[in-house]
Amino acid sequence: MGNKLTVIKPVVDVRAGISDRSEHVNQLLYGEAVILIGKRGSRLKVKCADGYEGWVRADHLGAVMDVSYSHIVDVPVATLFDVDGRFVGRLSF
């Protein structure tokens, strides 16, 4: 596989197994990139930049973002909207 994907939710849990009840092994933040190493149903097995591997929900990842940054967030929590003005979530500092 080896495709690169990007986290598209504010916070994504990485689990040891495909179940939401599996051990929590890592956490990813919006915009982080991962490498796809497997797939089972609606779950993707990924390798994180810090070397951890685990399972995440497929709908929490998307295509690699090619962005240039125009703003800096300097508050504890910011509201994130997509380019069409739809609410995406809240981002923590």
N, C-alpha and C. Protein backbone atom coordinates (compact mmCIF):
# COMPACT_ATOMS: atom_id res chain seq x y z
N MET A 1 0.85 -1.18 0.00
CA MET A 1 0.00 0.00 0.00
C MET A 1 0.90 1.24 0.00
N GLY A 2 1.27 1.74 1.16
CA GLY A 2 2.23 2.83 1.24
C GLY A 2 1.73 4.20 0.82
N ASN A 3 0.42 4.37 0.64
CA ASN A 3 -0.13 5.68 0.29
C ASN A 3 -0.07 6.60 1.48
N LYS A 4 0.18 7.87 1.22
CA LYS A 4 0.21 8.87 2.28
C LYS A 4 -1.18 9.49 2.40
N LEU A 5 -1.67 9.62 3.64
CA LEU A 5 -2.97 10.23 3.91
C LEU A 5 -2.81 11.30 4.97
N THR A 6 -3.83 12.16 5.10
CA THR A 6 -3.80 13.25 6.07
C THR A 6 -5.00 13.15 7.00
N VAL A 7 -4.79 13.49 8.26
CA VAL A 7 -5.85 13.52 9.26
C VAL A 7 -6.77 14.70 8.94
N ILE A 8 -8.09 14.43 8.83
CA ILE A 8 -9.04 15.49 8.48
C ILE A 8 -10.03 15.79 9.61
N LYS A 9 -9.80 15.22 10.78
CA LYS A 9 -10.60 15.51 11.97
C LYS A 9 -9.70 16.18 12.99
N PRO A 10 -10.25 16.95 13.92
CA PRO A 10 -9.40 17.64 14.90
C PRO A 10 -8.50 16.70 15.71
N VAL A 11 -9.03 15.57 16.17
CA VAL A 11 -8.25 14.61 16.96
C VAL A 11 -8.69 13.21 16.55
N VAL A 12 -7.71 12.34 16.28
CA VAL A 12 -8.00 10.97 15.84
C VAL A 12 -7.24 9.99 16.73
N ASP A 13 -7.97 9.04 17.31
CA ASP A 13 -7.34 8.00 18.12
C ASP A 13 -6.79 6.90 17.23
N VAL A 14 -5.61 6.42 17.56
CA VAL A 14 -5.00 5.28 16.88
C VAL A 14 -5.10 4.11 17.85
N ARG A 15 -5.69 3.01 17.40
CA ARG A 15 -5.97 1.85 18.25
C ARG A 15 -5.11 0.66 17.84
N ALA A 16 -4.84 -0.23 18.80
CA ALA A 16 -4.06 -1.44 18.54
C ALA A 16 -4.81 -2.41 17.64
N GLY A 17 -6.13 -2.41 17.70
CA GLY A 17 -6.96 -3.29 16.88
C GLY A 17 -8.05 -2.49 16.19
N ILE A 18 -8.88 -3.17 15.41
CA ILE A 18 -9.90 -2.44 14.64
C ILE A 18 -11.09 -1.98 15.47
N SER A 19 -11.26 -2.51 16.66
CA SER A 19 -12.39 -2.14 17.51
C SER A 19 -12.13 -0.82 18.22
N ASP A 20 -13.21 -0.04 18.43
CA ASP A 20 -13.11 1.20 19.21
C ASP A 20 -12.75 0.91 20.67
N ARG A 21 -12.86 -0.33 21.07
CA ARG A 21 -12.51 -0.72 22.45
C ARG A 21 -11.07 -1.23 22.57
N SER A 22 -10.37 -1.31 21.44
CA SER A 22 -8.98 -1.74 21.46
C SER A 22 -8.11 -0.71 22.18
N GLU A 23 -6.96 -1.16 22.62
CA GLU A 23 -6.02 -0.29 23.33
C GLU A 23 -5.68 0.94 22.50
N HIS A 24 -5.65 2.08 23.15
CA HIS A 24 -5.30 3.35 22.54
C HIS A 24 -3.77 3.43 22.49
N VAL A 25 -3.16 3.50 21.29
CA VAL A 25 -1.71 3.50 21.18
C VAL A 25 -1.11 4.84 20.78
N ASN A 26 -1.93 5.74 20.23
CA ASN A 26 -1.41 7.03 19.80
C ASN A 26 -2.59 7.95 19.51
N GLN A 27 -2.29 9.21 19.27
CA GLN A 27 -3.32 10.17 18.91
C GLN A 27 -2.76 11.09 17.84
N LEU A 28 -3.56 11.38 16.84
CA LEU A 28 -3.14 12.24 15.74
C LEU A 28 -3.96 13.52 15.75
N LEU A 29 -3.37 14.60 15.26
CA LEU A 29 -4.04 15.88 15.19
C LEU A 29 -4.28 16.28 13.74
N TYR A 30 -5.24 17.16 13.55
CA TYR A 30 -5.61 17.64 12.22
C TYR A 30 -4.37 18.04 11.41
N GLY A 31 -4.31 17.55 10.18
CA GLY A 31 -3.23 17.91 9.27
C GLY A 31 -2.02 17.00 9.30
N GLU A 32 -1.92 16.11 10.31
CA GLU A 32 -0.78 15.19 10.36
C GLU A 32 -0.88 14.17 9.24
N ALA A 33 0.27 13.76 8.72
CA ALA A 33 0.32 12.77 7.64
C ALA A 33 0.65 11.40 8.21
N VAL A 34 0.08 10.36 7.60
CA VAL A 34 0.34 8.97 7.97
C VAL A 34 0.54 8.17 6.68
N ILE A 35 1.11 6.98 6.84
CA ILE A 35 1.29 6.07 5.71
C ILE A 35 0.29 4.91 5.87
N LEU A 36 -0.46 4.63 4.83
CA LEU A 36 -1.42 3.53 4.84
C LEU A 36 -0.67 2.21 4.65
N ILE A 37 -0.88 1.27 5.60
CA ILE A 37 -0.20 -0.02 5.49
C ILE A 37 -1.17 -1.20 5.47
N GLY A 38 -2.47 -0.95 5.64
CA GLY A 38 -3.45 -2.02 5.58
C GLY A 38 -4.86 -1.50 5.64
N LYS A 39 -5.81 -2.38 5.31
CA LYS A 39 -7.22 -1.99 5.34
C LYS A 39 -8.06 -3.20 5.70
N ARG A 40 -9.06 -2.98 6.56
CA ARG A 40 -10.03 -4.01 6.90
C ARG A 40 -11.37 -3.33 7.12
N GLY A 41 -12.28 -3.49 6.18
CA GLY A 41 -13.59 -2.85 6.29
C GLY A 41 -13.45 -1.34 6.29
N SER A 42 -14.03 -0.71 7.29
CA SER A 42 -14.00 0.75 7.40
C SER A 42 -12.82 1.25 8.23
N ARG A 43 -11.87 0.38 8.49
CA ARG A 43 -10.69 0.75 9.29
C ARG A 43 -9.43 0.68 8.44
N LEU A 44 -8.51 1.58 8.71
CA LEU A 44 -7.23 1.61 8.01
C LEU A 44 -6.11 1.43 9.02
N LYS A 45 -5.13 0.60 8.67
CA LYS A 45 -3.94 0.47 9.49
C LYS A 45 -2.91 1.45 8.95
N VAL A 46 -2.37 2.27 9.85
CA VAL A 46 -1.46 3.33 9.44
C VAL A 46 -0.17 3.30 10.24
N LYS A 47 0.85 3.89 9.66
CA LYS A 47 2.10 4.13 10.37
C LYS A 47 2.23 5.63 10.54
N CYS A 48 2.39 6.05 11.79
CA CYS A 48 2.47 7.47 12.13
C CYS A 48 3.91 7.96 11.98
N ALA A 49 4.07 9.26 11.90
CA ALA A 49 5.39 9.87 11.75
C ALA A 49 6.32 9.51 12.90
N ASP A 50 5.77 9.26 14.09
CA ASP A 50 6.59 8.92 15.25
C ASP A 50 6.88 7.42 15.35
N GLY A 51 6.48 6.65 14.32
CA GLY A 51 6.77 5.23 14.27
C GLY A 51 5.68 4.32 14.78
N TYR A 52 4.70 4.85 15.50
CA TYR A 52 3.61 4.03 16.00
C TYR A 52 2.76 3.53 14.83
N GLU A 53 2.23 2.31 14.98
CA GLU A 53 1.31 1.75 14.00
C GLU A 53 0.01 1.39 14.70
N GLY A 54 -1.09 1.54 14.00
CA GLY A 54 -2.37 1.17 14.56
C GLY A 54 -3.50 1.43 13.59
N TRP A 55 -4.71 1.24 14.09
CA TRP A 55 -5.93 1.32 13.28
C TRP A 55 -6.70 2.60 13.55
N VAL A 56 -7.21 3.21 12.48
CA VAL A 56 -8.06 4.41 12.58
C VAL A 56 -9.26 4.24 11.68
N ARG A 57 -10.30 5.01 11.93
CA ARG A 57 -11.47 5.00 11.06
C ARG A 57 -11.12 5.64 9.73
N ALA A 58 -11.54 5.02 8.64
CA ALA A 58 -11.22 5.51 7.30
C ALA A 58 -11.76 6.92 7.06
N ASP A 59 -12.92 7.24 7.64
CA ASP A 59 -13.51 8.57 7.41
C ASP A 59 -12.80 9.67 8.18
N HIS A 60 -11.77 9.34 8.95
CA HIS A 60 -10.98 10.34 9.67
C HIS A 60 -9.73 10.76 8.90
N LEU A 61 -9.52 10.12 7.73
CA LEU A 61 -8.34 10.42 6.92
C LEU A 61 -8.77 10.83 5.52
N GLY A 62 -7.94 11.62 4.87
CA GLY A 62 -8.24 12.04 3.50
C GLY A 62 -6.95 12.19 2.71
N ALA A 63 -7.10 12.72 1.51
CA ALA A 63 -5.95 12.94 0.64
C ALA A 63 -4.97 13.92 1.28
N VAL A 64 -3.71 13.79 0.92
CA VAL A 64 -2.69 14.69 1.44
C VAL A 64 -3.04 16.11 1.05
N MET A 65 -2.99 17.00 2.02
CA MET A 65 -3.33 18.40 1.78
C MET A 65 -2.13 19.15 1.26
N ASP A 66 -2.34 19.89 0.20
CA ASP A 66 -1.31 20.77 -0.33
C ASP A 66 -1.76 22.18 0.01
N VAL A 67 -1.29 22.66 1.14
CA VAL A 67 -1.78 23.95 1.63
C VAL A 67 -0.62 24.89 1.93
N SER A 68 -0.92 26.14 1.83
CA SER A 68 -0.01 27.16 2.36
C SER A 68 -0.77 27.80 3.51
N TYR A 69 -0.08 28.10 4.55
CA TYR A 69 -0.73 28.61 5.75
C TYR A 69 -0.82 30.13 5.71
N SER A 70 -2.01 30.63 6.01
CA SER A 70 -2.23 32.06 5.97
C SER A 70 -2.52 32.64 7.35
N HIS A 71 -2.72 31.76 8.35
CA HIS A 71 -3.06 32.23 9.68
C HIS A 71 -2.30 31.43 10.73
N ILE A 72 -2.11 32.05 11.87
CA ILE A 72 -1.52 31.38 13.03
C ILE A 72 -2.55 31.42 14.14
N VAL A 73 -2.81 30.29 14.76
CA VAL A 73 -3.75 30.22 15.87
C VAL A 73 -2.98 30.45 17.16
N ASP A 74 -3.38 31.46 17.92
CA ASP A 74 -2.69 31.74 19.18
C ASP A 74 -3.67 31.83 20.35
N VAL A 75 -4.75 31.08 20.24
CA VAL A 75 -5.74 30.97 21.31
C VAL A 75 -5.85 29.50 21.69
N PRO A 76 -6.34 29.19 22.89
CA PRO A 76 -6.40 27.79 23.32
C PRO A 76 -7.24 26.89 22.41
N VAL A 77 -8.33 27.41 21.85
CA VAL A 77 -9.21 26.61 20.98
C VAL A 77 -9.69 27.49 19.84
N ALA A 78 -9.66 26.94 18.62
CA ALA A 78 -10.15 27.67 17.45
C ALA A 78 -11.17 26.81 16.71
N THR A 79 -12.13 27.44 16.07
CA THR A 79 -13.12 26.73 15.27
C THR A 79 -12.61 26.65 13.84
N LEU A 80 -12.69 25.45 13.26
CA LEU A 80 -12.17 25.21 11.92
C LEU A 80 -13.32 25.00 10.94
N PHE A 81 -13.28 25.71 9.82
CA PHE A 81 -14.25 25.58 8.74
C PHE A 81 -13.50 25.19 7.48
N ASP A 82 -14.16 24.42 6.59
CA ASP A 82 -13.51 24.09 5.32
C ASP A 82 -13.66 25.28 4.36
N VAL A 83 -13.13 25.15 3.15
CA VAL A 83 -13.14 26.26 2.20
C VAL A 83 -14.55 26.65 1.75
N ASP A 84 -15.52 25.76 1.95
CA ASP A 84 -16.91 26.08 1.61
C ASP A 84 -17.69 26.63 2.80
N GLY A 85 -17.00 26.86 3.93
CA GLY A 85 -17.63 27.44 5.09
C GLY A 85 -18.34 26.45 6.00
N ARG A 86 -18.16 25.14 5.74
CA ARG A 86 -18.79 24.11 6.60
C ARG A 86 -17.92 23.86 7.82
N PHE A 87 -18.58 23.70 8.95
CA PHE A 87 -17.91 23.41 10.21
C PHE A 87 -17.17 22.08 10.14
N VAL A 88 -15.89 22.07 10.49
CA VAL A 88 -15.09 20.86 10.52
C VAL A 88 -14.91 20.38 11.96
N GLY A 89 -14.62 21.30 12.85
CA GLY A 89 -14.42 20.94 14.24
C GLY A 89 -13.65 22.03 14.98
N ARG A 90 -13.26 21.69 16.20
CA ARG A 90 -12.48 22.62 17.00
C ARG A 90 -11.05 22.10 17.09
N LEU A 91 -10.12 23.00 16.95
CA LEU A 91 -8.71 22.66 17.04
C LEU A 91 -8.14 23.21 18.34
N SER A 92 -7.35 22.40 19.02
CA SER A 92 -6.71 22.89 20.24
C SER A 92 -5.35 23.48 19.90
N PHE A 93 -4.91 24.40 20.71
CA PHE A 93 -3.63 25.06 20.54
C PHE A 93 -2.54 24.03 20.62
